[in-house]
Amino acid sequence: NQKQKKGARKMSRNDSKYFSTTKKGGIPKLKEELNSQYKDKRKDAVKKVIAAMTVGKDVSSLFTDVVNCMQTENLELKKLVYLYLINYAKSQPDLAILAVNTFVKDSQDPNPLIRALAVRTMGCIRVDKITEYLCDPLQRCLKDDDPYVRKTAAICVAKLYDINAELVEDRGFLESLKDLISDNNPMVVANAVAALAEIQDNSSRPIFEITSHTLSKLLTALNECTEWGQVFILDALSRYKDADAREAENIVERVT
């Protein structure tokens, strides 16, 4: 499981001890530690759970106990809990609903990293029952003051479209994505283009068409975003139907 392996990499080298101690005490011991009154003990317990999950052990019975650890200001612990949640939400959809309130709360956290983490995780939880609850937080994050949150929210829209296309269209998320093409941050623009391109690939009707106005925005962002962003913008530009040879030459010159 790639997500599990990625989770293991997120744990530092110093955390390797957790992989060798998961057998001691088993599930009851982990359950006790997850509900400890001491923060450090709870954090260690979550690391042990992630370690066990990573090597293929079934720790889904600890779902409620791990989710209770979500309400923390510690970013490292929150990331680990979210990783666990992504892995088990589909097999425990009724319990996953317990995490909704924390998602909504985290999407309004003063720390933009936590807001972005919440919205990124929303896009990875493919559970129909909770998708509708995530629409309002996502709508807020698409208009967030922090560009890191906005660019993360843009990709989340594409993931949501794959789960429930009708919901995305009804809630106006496609229009919000198109608005982000005019964003003043080049990475937000690139992510909006990437999301729209992914949605277009999954739709039989035209979703993303570049106009002369958006063309200018894309060419400007092209010079300022990362190579990853440039790839998506260049791909979008290649589909643009130029008005005449002069406009085509101007685009080629700007790209060069």
C-alpha atoms as a PDB file:
ATOM      1  CA  ASN A   1       0.000   0.000   0.000  1.00  0.00           C
ATOM      2  CA  GLN A   2       1.678   3.188  -1.220  1.00  0.00           C
ATOM      3  CA  LYS A   3      -0.067   5.442   1.321  1.00  0.00           C
ATOM      4  CA  GLN A   4       1.106   3.251   4.159  1.00  0.00           C
ATOM      5  CA  LYS A   5       4.691   3.294   2.873  1.00  0.00           C
ATOM      6  CA  LYS A   6       4.518   7.065   2.513  1.00  0.00           C
ATOM      7  CA  GLY A   7       3.292   7.246   6.100  1.00  0.00           C
ATOM      8  CA  ALA A   8       6.274   5.245   7.227  1.00  0.00           C
ATOM      9  CA  ARG A   9       8.636   7.640   5.458  1.00  0.00           C
ATOM     10  CA  LYS A  10       6.995  10.571   7.237  1.00  0.00           C
ATOM     11  CA  MET A  11       8.074   9.102  10.553  1.00  0.00           C
ATOM     12  CA  SER A  12      11.687  10.107  11.230  1.00  0.00           C
ATOM     13  CA  ARG A  13      14.612   7.702  11.457  1.00  0.00           C
ATOM     14  CA  ASN A  14      14.539   8.059  15.230  1.00  0.00           C
ATOM     15  CA  ASP A  15      11.043   6.572  15.148  1.00  0.00           C
ATOM     16  CA  SER A  16      12.244   3.202  13.854  1.00  0.00           C
ATOM     17  CA  LYS A  17      11.913   1.832  17.395  1.00  0.00           C
ATOM     18  CA  TYR A  18       8.123   1.884  17.018  1.00  0.00           C
ATOM     19  CA  PHE A  19       8.319  -0.809  14.359  1.00  0.00           C
ATOM     20  CA  SER A  20      10.019  -3.197  16.790  1.00  0.00           C
ATOM     21  CA  THR A  21       7.701  -2.580  19.736  1.00  0.00           C
ATOM     22  CA  THR A  22       4.302  -3.029  18.104  1.00  0.00           C
ATOM     23  CA  LYS A  23       4.018  -6.643  19.303  1.00  0.00           C
ATOM     24  CA  LYS A  24       4.360  -5.824  22.985  1.00  0.00           C
ATOM     25  CA  GLY A  25       0.996  -5.728  24.726  1.00  0.00           C
ATOM     26  CA  GLY A  26      -0.988  -5.834  21.491  1.00  0.00           C
ATOM     27  CA  ILE A  27      -4.225  -3.946  20.820  1.00  0.00           C
ATOM     28  CA  PRO A  28      -5.386  -3.591  24.474  1.00  0.00           C
ATOM     29  CA  LYS A  29      -2.081  -1.980  25.443  1.00  0.00           C
ATOM     30  CA  LEU A  30      -2.240   0.437  22.496  1.00  0.00           C
ATOM     31  CA  LYS A  31      -5.828   1.306  23.369  1.00  0.00           C
ATOM     32  CA  GLU A  32      -4.783   2.168  26.903  1.00  0.00           C
ATOM     33  CA  GLU A  33      -1.885   4.342  25.709  1.00  0.00           C
ATOM     34  CA  LEU A  34      -4.058   6.159  23.137  1.00  0.00           C
ATOM     35  CA  ASN A  35      -6.353   7.231  25.960  1.00  0.00           C
ATOM     36  CA  SER A  36      -3.555   8.267  28.296  1.00  0.00           C
ATOM     37  CA  GLN A  37      -3.821  11.631  30.061  1.00  0.00           C
ATOM     38  CA  TYR A  38      -0.249  12.370  28.959  1.00  0.00           C
ATOM     39  CA  LYS A  39       0.249  13.961  25.521  1.00  0.00           C
ATOM     40  CA  ASP A  40       3.635  12.351  24.855  1.00  0.00           C
ATOM     41  CA  LYS A  41       2.274   8.906  25.639  1.00  0.00           C
ATOM     42  CA  ARG A  42      -0.655   9.408  23.243  1.00  0.00           C
ATOM     43  CA  LYS A  43       1.721  10.595  20.528  1.00  0.00           C
ATOM     44  CA  ASP A  44       3.966   7.549  20.979  1.00  0.00           C
ATOM     45  CA  ALA A  45       0.910   5.301  20.863  1.00  0.00           C
ATOM     46  CA  VAL A  46      -0.246   6.790  17.541  1.00  0.00           C
ATOM     47  CA  LYS A  47       3.245   6.233  16.122  1.00  0.00           C
ATOM     48  CA  LYS A  48       3.049   2.601  17.189  1.00  0.00           C
ATOM     49  CA  VAL A  49      -0.361   2.270  15.515  1.00  0.00           C
ATOM     50  CA  ILE A  50       0.967   3.781  12.262  1.00  0.00           C
ATOM     51  CA  ALA A  51       3.977   1.464  12.427  1.00  0.00           C
ATOM     52  CA  ALA A  52       1.690  -1.548  12.838  1.00  0.00           C
ATOM     53  CA  MET A  53      -0.560  -0.338  10.007  1.00  0.00           C
ATOM     54  CA  THR A  54       2.464   0.160   7.756  1.00  0.00           C
ATOM     55  CA  VAL A  55       3.633  -3.441   8.139  1.00  0.00           C
ATOM     56  CA  GLY A  56       0.131  -4.695   7.313  1.00  0.00           C
ATOM     57  CA  LYS A  57      -1.419  -5.315  10.736  1.00  0.00           C
ATOM     58  CA  ASP A  58      -5.116  -4.647  11.186  1.00  0.00           C
ATOM     59  CA  VAL A  59      -5.463  -1.858  13.750  1.00  0.00           C
ATOM     60  CA  SER A  60      -8.906  -0.730  12.575  1.00  0.00           C
ATOM     61  CA  SER A  61     -10.401  -1.666  15.968  1.00  0.00           C
ATOM     62  CA  LEU A  62      -8.568   1.369  17.394  1.00  0.00           C
ATOM     63  CA  PHE A  63     -10.353   3.771  15.027  1.00  0.00           C
ATOM     64  CA  THR A  64     -12.326   5.678  17.694  1.00  0.00           C
ATOM     65  CA  ASP A  65      -9.304   5.902  20.012  1.00  0.00           C
ATOM     66  CA  VAL A  66      -7.008   7.236  17.274  1.00  0.00           C
ATOM     67  CA  VAL A  67      -9.613   9.729  16.001  1.00  0.00           C
ATOM     68  CA  ASN A  68      -9.939  11.095  19.541  1.00  0.00           C
ATOM     69  CA  CYS A  69      -6.284  12.121  19.243  1.00  0.00           C
ATOM     70  CA  MET A  70      -7.139  14.433  16.303  1.00  0.00           C
ATOM     71  CA  GLN A  71      -7.901  17.332  18.582  1.00  0.00           C
ATOM     72  CA  THR A  72      -4.343  18.470  19.102  1.00  0.00           C
ATOM     73  CA  GLU A  73      -2.229  21.473  18.130  1.00  0.00           C
ATOM     74  CA  ASN A  74       0.742  19.186  17.453  1.00  0.00           C
ATOM     75  CA  LEU A  75       1.093  19.126  13.660  1.00  0.00           C
ATOM     76  CA  GLU A  76       3.144  15.919  13.557  1.00  0.00           C
ATOM     77  CA  LEU A  77       0.547  14.017  15.610  1.00  0.00           C
ATOM     78  CA  LYS A  78      -2.318  15.442  13.569  1.00  0.00           C
ATOM     79  CA  LYS A  79      -0.639  14.300  10.331  1.00  0.00           C
ATOM     80  CA  LEU A  80      -0.304  10.774  11.670  1.00  0.00           C
ATOM     81  CA  VAL A  81      -3.936  10.628  12.786  1.00  0.00           C
ATOM     82  CA  TYR A  82      -5.071  11.925   9.391  1.00  0.00           C
ATOM     83  CA  LEU A  83      -2.934   9.271   7.696  1.00  0.00           C
ATOM     84  CA  TYR A  84      -4.638   6.579   9.762  1.00  0.00           C
ATOM     85  CA  LEU A  85      -8.030   8.088   8.962  1.00  0.00           C
ATOM     86  CA  ILE A  86      -7.396   8.052   5.203  1.00  0.00           C
ATOM     87  CA  ASN A  87      -6.392   4.398   5.391  1.00  0.00           C
ATOM     88  CA  TYR A  88      -9.394   3.156   7.345  1.00  0.00           C
ATOM     89  CA  ALA A  89     -12.221   5.611   6.574  1.00  0.00           C
ATOM     90  CA  LYS A  90     -13.568   3.555   3.679  1.00  0.00           C
ATOM     91  CA  SER A  91     -13.821   0.378   5.760  1.00  0.00           C
ATOM     92  CA  GLN A  92     -15.269   2.290   8.736  1.00  0.00           C
ATOM     93  CA  PRO A  93     -17.555   4.924   7.113  1.00  0.00           C
ATOM     94  CA  ASP A  94     -19.891   5.246  10.096  1.00  0.00           C
ATOM     95  CA  LEU A  95     -16.979   5.920  12.425  1.00  0.00           C
ATOM     96  CA  ALA A  96     -15.368   8.309   9.928  1.00  0.00           C
ATOM     97  CA  ILE A  97     -18.303  10.664  10.481  1.00  0.00           C
ATOM     98  CA  LEU A  98     -16.939  11.179  14.006  1.00  0.00           C
ATOM     99  CA  ALA A  99     -14.026  13.046  12.449  1.00  0.00           C
ATOM    100  CA  VAL A 100     -16.168  15.538  10.511  1.00  0.00           C
ATOM    101  CA  ASN A 101     -16.412  18.139  13.282  1.00  0.00           C
ATOM    102  CA  THR A 102     -12.636  18.140  13.710  1.00  0.00           C
ATOM    103  CA  PHE A 103     -12.165  18.537   9.954  1.00  0.00           C
ATOM    104  CA  VAL A 104     -14.453  21.554   9.951  1.00  0.00           C
ATOM    105  CA  LYS A 105     -12.645  22.999  12.959  1.00  0.00           C
ATOM    106  CA  ASP A 106      -9.196  22.370  11.467  1.00  0.00           C
ATOM    107  CA  SER A 107     -10.219  24.006   8.185  1.00  0.00           C
ATOM    108  CA  GLN A 108     -10.601  27.249  10.189  1.00  0.00           C
ATOM    109  CA  ASP A 109      -7.477  26.848  12.341  1.00  0.00           C
ATOM    110  CA  PRO A 110      -5.226  29.949  12.656  1.00  0.00           C
ATOM    111  CA  ASN A 111      -2.314  27.861  11.334  1.00  0.00           C
ATOM    112  CA  PRO A 112      -2.471  27.671   7.495  1.00  0.00           C
ATOM    113  CA  LEU A 113      -0.558  24.358   7.556  1.00  0.00           C
ATOM    114  CA  ILE A 114      -3.357  22.783   9.586  1.00  0.00           C
ATOM    115  CA  ARG A 115      -6.023  24.302   7.321  1.00  0.00           C
ATOM    116  CA  ALA A 116      -4.229  22.880   4.277  1.00  0.00           C
ATOM    117  CA  LEU A 117      -3.728  19.500   5.958  1.00  0.00           C
ATOM    118  CA  ALA A 118      -7.443  19.298   6.698  1.00  0.00           C
ATOM    119  CA  VAL A 119      -8.493  20.121   3.144  1.00  0.00           C
ATOM    120  CA  ARG A 120      -5.904  17.751   1.628  1.00  0.00           C
ATOM    121  CA  THR A 121      -7.160  14.904   3.794  1.00  0.00           C
ATOM    122  CA  MET A 122     -10.756  15.706   2.863  1.00  0.00           C
ATOM    123  CA  GLY A 123      -9.909  14.967  -0.757  1.00  0.00           C
ATOM    124  CA  CYS A 124      -8.402  11.598   0.154  1.00  0.00           C
ATOM    125  CA  ILE A 125     -11.357  10.308   2.176  1.00  0.00           C
ATOM    126  CA  ARG A 126     -13.579   8.644  -0.389  1.00  0.00           C
ATOM    127  CA  VAL A 127     -16.692   8.184   1.741  1.00  0.00           C
ATOM    128  CA  ASP A 128     -19.984   9.384   0.237  1.00  0.00           C
ATOM    129  CA  LYS A 129     -21.614   9.820   3.626  1.00  0.00           C
ATOM    130  CA  ILE A 130     -19.250  12.590   4.684  1.00  0.00           C
ATOM    131  CA  THR A 131     -18.536  14.275   1.332  1.00  0.00           C
ATOM    132  CA  GLU A 132     -21.402  16.748   1.667  1.00  0.00           C
ATOM    133  CA  TYR A 133     -20.153  17.830   5.100  1.00  0.00           C
ATOM    134  CA  LEU A 134     -16.830  18.843   3.563  1.00  0.00           C
ATOM    135  CA  CYS A 135     -18.266  21.240   0.972  1.00  0.00           C
ATOM    136  CA  ASP A 136     -18.491  24.309   3.208  1.00  0.00           C
ATOM    137  CA  PRO A 137     -14.932  23.950   4.564  1.00  0.00           C
ATOM    138  CA  LEU A 138     -13.635  23.444   1.022  1.00  0.00           C
ATOM    139  CA  GLN A 139     -15.504  26.497  -0.248  1.00  0.00           C
ATOM    140  CA  ARG A 140     -13.884  28.606   2.488  1.00  0.00           C
ATOM    141  CA  CYS A 141     -10.418  27.219   1.770  1.00  0.00           C
ATOM    142  CA  LEU A 142     -10.712  28.056  -1.938  1.00  0.00           C
ATOM    143  CA  LYS A 143     -10.970  31.709  -0.868  1.00  0.00           C
ATOM    144  CA  ASP A 144      -8.449  31.462   1.975  1.00  0.00           C
ATOM    145  CA  ASP A 145      -6.052  34.356   2.605  1.00  0.00           C
ATOM    146  CA  ASP A 146      -3.078  31.988   2.432  1.00  0.00           C
ATOM    147  CA  PRO A 147      -2.005  30.824  -1.068  1.00  0.00           C
ATOM    148  CA  TYR A 148      -0.764  27.473   0.299  1.00  0.00           C
ATOM    149  CA  VAL A 149      -4.283  26.703   1.487  1.00  0.00           C
ATOM    150  CA  ARG A 150      -5.847  27.872  -1.795  1.00  0.00           C
ATOM    151  CA  LYS A 151      -3.545  25.750  -3.957  1.00  0.00           C
ATOM    152  CA  THR A 152      -4.235  22.696  -1.790  1.00  0.00           C
ATOM    153  CA  ALA A 153      -7.985  23.314  -1.977  1.00  0.00           C
ATOM    154  CA  ALA A 154      -7.817  23.508  -5.784  1.00  0.00           C
ATOM    155  CA  ILE A 155      -6.491  19.942  -6.042  1.00  0.00           C
ATOM    156  CA  CYS A 156      -9.106  18.790  -3.523  1.00  0.00           C
ATOM    157  CA  VAL A 157     -11.870  19.912  -5.929  1.00  0.00           C
ATOM    158  CA  ALA A 158     -10.562  17.523  -8.592  1.00  0.00           C
ATOM    159  CA  LYS A 159     -10.539  14.653  -6.087  1.00  0.00           C
ATOM    160  CA  LEU A 160     -14.056  15.538  -4.986  1.00  0.00           C
ATOM    161  CA  TYR A 161     -15.215  15.596  -8.618  1.00  0.00           C
ATOM    162  CA  ASP A 162     -13.996  12.025  -9.009  1.00  0.00           C
ATOM    163  CA  ILE A 163     -16.165  11.025  -6.027  1.00  0.00           C
ATOM    164  CA  ASN A 164     -19.274  13.097  -6.773  1.00  0.00           C
ATOM    165  CA  ALA A 165     -19.222  15.185  -9.963  1.00  0.00           C
ATOM    166  CA  GLU A 166     -22.817  16.371  -9.554  1.00  0.00           C
ATOM    167  CA  LEU A 167     -22.111  17.768  -6.087  1.00  0.00           C
ATOM    168  CA  VAL A 168     -19.064  19.687  -7.349  1.00  0.00           C
ATOM    169  CA  GLU A 169     -21.070  21.289 -10.136  1.00  0.00           C
ATOM    170  CA  ASP A 170     -24.088  22.076  -7.946  1.00  0.00           C
ATOM    171  CA  ARG A 171     -21.946  23.776  -5.304  1.00  0.00           C
ATOM    172  CA  GLY A 172     -20.171  25.989  -7.864  1.00  0.00           C
ATOM    173  CA  PHE A 173     -16.702  24.542  -7.312  1.00  0.00           C
ATOM    174  CA  LEU A 174     -15.887  24.598 -11.033  1.00  0.00           C
ATOM    175  CA  GLU A 175     -16.521  28.356 -11.121  1.00  0.00           C
ATOM    176  CA  SER A 176     -14.326  28.777  -8.029  1.00  0.00           C
ATOM    177  CA  LEU A 177     -11.523  26.883  -9.781  1.00  0.00           C
ATOM    178  CA  LYS A 178     -11.831  29.063 -12.875  1.00  0.00           C
ATOM    179  CA  ASP A 179     -11.651  32.160 -10.646  1.00  0.00           C
ATOM    180  CA  LEU A 180      -8.344  30.872  -9.233  1.00  0.00           C
ATOM    181  CA  ILE A 181      -6.783  31.096 -12.707  1.00  0.00           C
ATOM    182  CA  SER A 182      -6.759  34.862 -12.063  1.00  0.00           C
ATOM    183  CA  ASP A 183      -5.089  34.399  -8.658  1.00  0.00           C
ATOM    184  CA  ASN A 184      -2.066  36.548  -7.894  1.00  0.00           C
ATOM    185  CA  ASN A 185      -0.041  33.513  -6.788  1.00  0.00           C
ATOM    186  CA  PRO A 186       1.460  31.465  -9.668  1.00  0.00           C
ATOM    187  CA  MET A 187       1.314  28.151  -7.811  1.00  0.00           C
ATOM    188  CA  VAL A 188      -2.380  28.653  -7.094  1.00  0.00           C
ATOM    189  CA  VAL A 189      -2.885  29.287 -10.819  1.00  0.00           C
ATOM    190  CA  ALA A 190      -0.914  26.142 -11.715  1.00  0.00           C
ATOM    191  CA  ASN A 191      -2.888  23.989  -9.270  1.00  0.00           C
ATOM    192  CA  ALA A 192      -6.188  25.376 -10.560  1.00  0.00           C
ATOM    193  CA  VAL A 193      -5.129  24.486 -14.113  1.00  0.00           C
ATOM    194  CA  ALA A 194      -4.017  21.009 -12.989  1.00  0.00           C
ATOM    195  CA  ALA A 195      -7.357  20.422 -11.230  1.00  0.00           C
ATOM    196  CA  LEU A 196      -9.405  21.640 -14.202  1.00  0.00           C
ATOM    197  CA  ALA A 197      -7.345  19.470 -16.572  1.00  0.00           C
ATOM    198  CA  GLU A 198      -7.948  16.394 -14.399  1.00  0.00           C
ATOM    199  CA  ILE A 199     -11.670  17.149 -14.241  1.00  0.00           C
ATOM    200  CA  GLN A 200     -11.772  17.641 -18.024  1.00  0.00           C
ATOM    201  CA  ASP A 201     -10.197  14.204 -18.491  1.00  0.00           C
ATOM    202  CA  ASN A 202     -13.098  12.710 -16.514  1.00  0.00           C
ATOM    203  CA  SER A 203     -15.832  14.648 -18.322  1.00  0.00           C
ATOM    204  CA  SER A 204     -17.336  14.183 -21.762  1.00  0.00           C
ATOM    205  CA  ARG A 205     -18.315  17.849 -22.110  1.00  0.00           C
ATOM    206  CA  PRO A 206     -16.091  20.964 -22.234  1.00  0.00           C
ATOM    207  CA  ILE A 207     -15.141  22.076 -18.723  1.00  0.00           C
ATOM    208  CA  PHE A 208     -11.947  24.063 -19.195  1.00  0.00           C
ATOM    209  CA  GLU A 209     -11.537  26.341 -22.205  1.00  0.00           C
ATOM    210  CA  ILE A 210      -8.840  29.011 -22.328  1.00  0.00           C
ATOM    211  CA  THR A 211     -10.006  32.468 -23.356  1.00  0.00           C
ATOM    212  CA  SER A 212      -7.814  35.407 -24.387  1.00  0.00           C
ATOM    213  CA  HIS A 213      -8.173  36.689 -20.803  1.00  0.00           C
ATOM    214  CA  THR A 214      -7.054  33.460 -19.111  1.00  0.00           C
ATOM    215  CA  LEU A 215      -4.325  33.053 -21.740  1.00  0.00           C
ATOM    216  CA  SER A 216      -2.606  36.179 -20.432  1.00  0.00           C
ATOM    217  CA  LYS A 217      -2.870  34.935 -16.841  1.00  0.00           C
ATOM    218  CA  LEU A 218      -1.333  31.576 -17.736  1.00  0.00           C
ATOM    219  CA  LEU A 219       1.561  33.112 -19.653  1.00  0.00           C
ATOM    220  CA  THR A 220       2.343  35.380 -16.712  1.00  0.00           C
ATOM    221  CA  ALA A 221       2.218  32.522 -14.192  1.00  0.00           C
ATOM    222  CA  LEU A 222       4.411  30.363 -16.453  1.00  0.00           C
ATOM    223  CA  ASN A 223       7.496  32.426 -15.662  1.00  0.00           C
ATOM    224  CA  GLU A 224       6.973  32.402 -11.917  1.00  0.00           C
ATOM    225  CA  CYS A 225       5.827  28.931 -10.838  1.00  0.00           C
ATOM    226  CA  THR A 226       7.804  25.733 -10.263  1.00  0.00           C
ATOM    227  CA  GLU A 227       8.668  23.213 -12.977  1.00  0.00           C
ATOM    228  CA  TRP A 228       5.759  21.053 -11.790  1.00  0.00           C
ATOM    229  CA  GLY A 229       3.373  23.977 -12.308  1.00  0.00           C
ATOM    230  CA  GLN A 230       4.937  24.848 -15.659  1.00  0.00           C
ATOM    231  CA  VAL A 231       4.196  21.348 -16.985  1.00  0.00           C
ATOM    232  CA  PHE A 232       0.466  21.739 -16.320  1.00  0.00           C
ATOM    233  CA  ILE A 233       0.332  25.262 -17.731  1.00  0.00           C
ATOM    234  CA  LEU A 234       2.258  24.274 -20.881  1.00  0.00           C
ATOM    235  CA  ASP A 235      -0.059  21.308 -21.369  1.00  0.00           C
ATOM    236  CA  ALA A 236      -3.068  23.631 -21.094  1.00  0.00           C
ATOM    237  CA  LEU A 237      -1.524  26.147 -23.511  1.00  0.00           C
ATOM    238  CA  SER A 238      -0.961  23.403 -26.092  1.00  0.00           C
ATOM    239  CA  ARG A 239      -4.738  22.945 -26.318  1.00  0.00           C
ATOM    240  CA  TYR A 240      -5.469  26.626 -26.920  1.00  0.00           C
ATOM    241  CA  LYS A 241      -6.950  27.488 -30.327  1.00  0.00           C
ATOM    242  CA  ASP A 242      -5.190  30.666 -31.394  1.00  0.00           C
ATOM    243  CA  ALA A 243      -7.061  33.372 -33.277  1.00  0.00           C
ATOM    244  CA  ASP A 244      -4.378  33.886 -35.940  1.00  0.00           C
ATOM    245  CA  ALA A 245      -0.708  33.380 -36.763  1.00  0.00           C
ATOM    246  CA  ARG A 246       0.292  36.573 -34.974  1.00  0.00           C
ATOM    247  CA  GLU A 247      -1.227  35.421 -31.689  1.00  0.00           C
ATOM    248  CA  ALA A 248       0.352  31.979 -32.114  1.00  0.00           C
ATOM    249  CA  GLU A 249       3.788  33.552 -32.639  1.00  0.00           C
ATOM    250  CA  ASN A 250       3.316  35.727 -29.556  1.00  0.00           C
ATOM    251  CA  ILE A 251       2.487  32.661 -27.423  1.00  0.00           C
ATOM    252  CA  VAL A 252       5.492  30.763 -28.759  1.00  0.00           C
ATOM    253  CA  GLU A 253       7.734  33.743 -28.000  1.00  0.00           C
ATOM    254  CA  ARG A 254       6.415  34.021 -24.438  1.00  0.00           C
ATOM    255  CA  VAL A 255       6.841  30.290 -23.864  1.00  0.00           C
ATOM    256  CA  THR A 256      10.374  30.360 -25.231  1.00  0.00           C
END
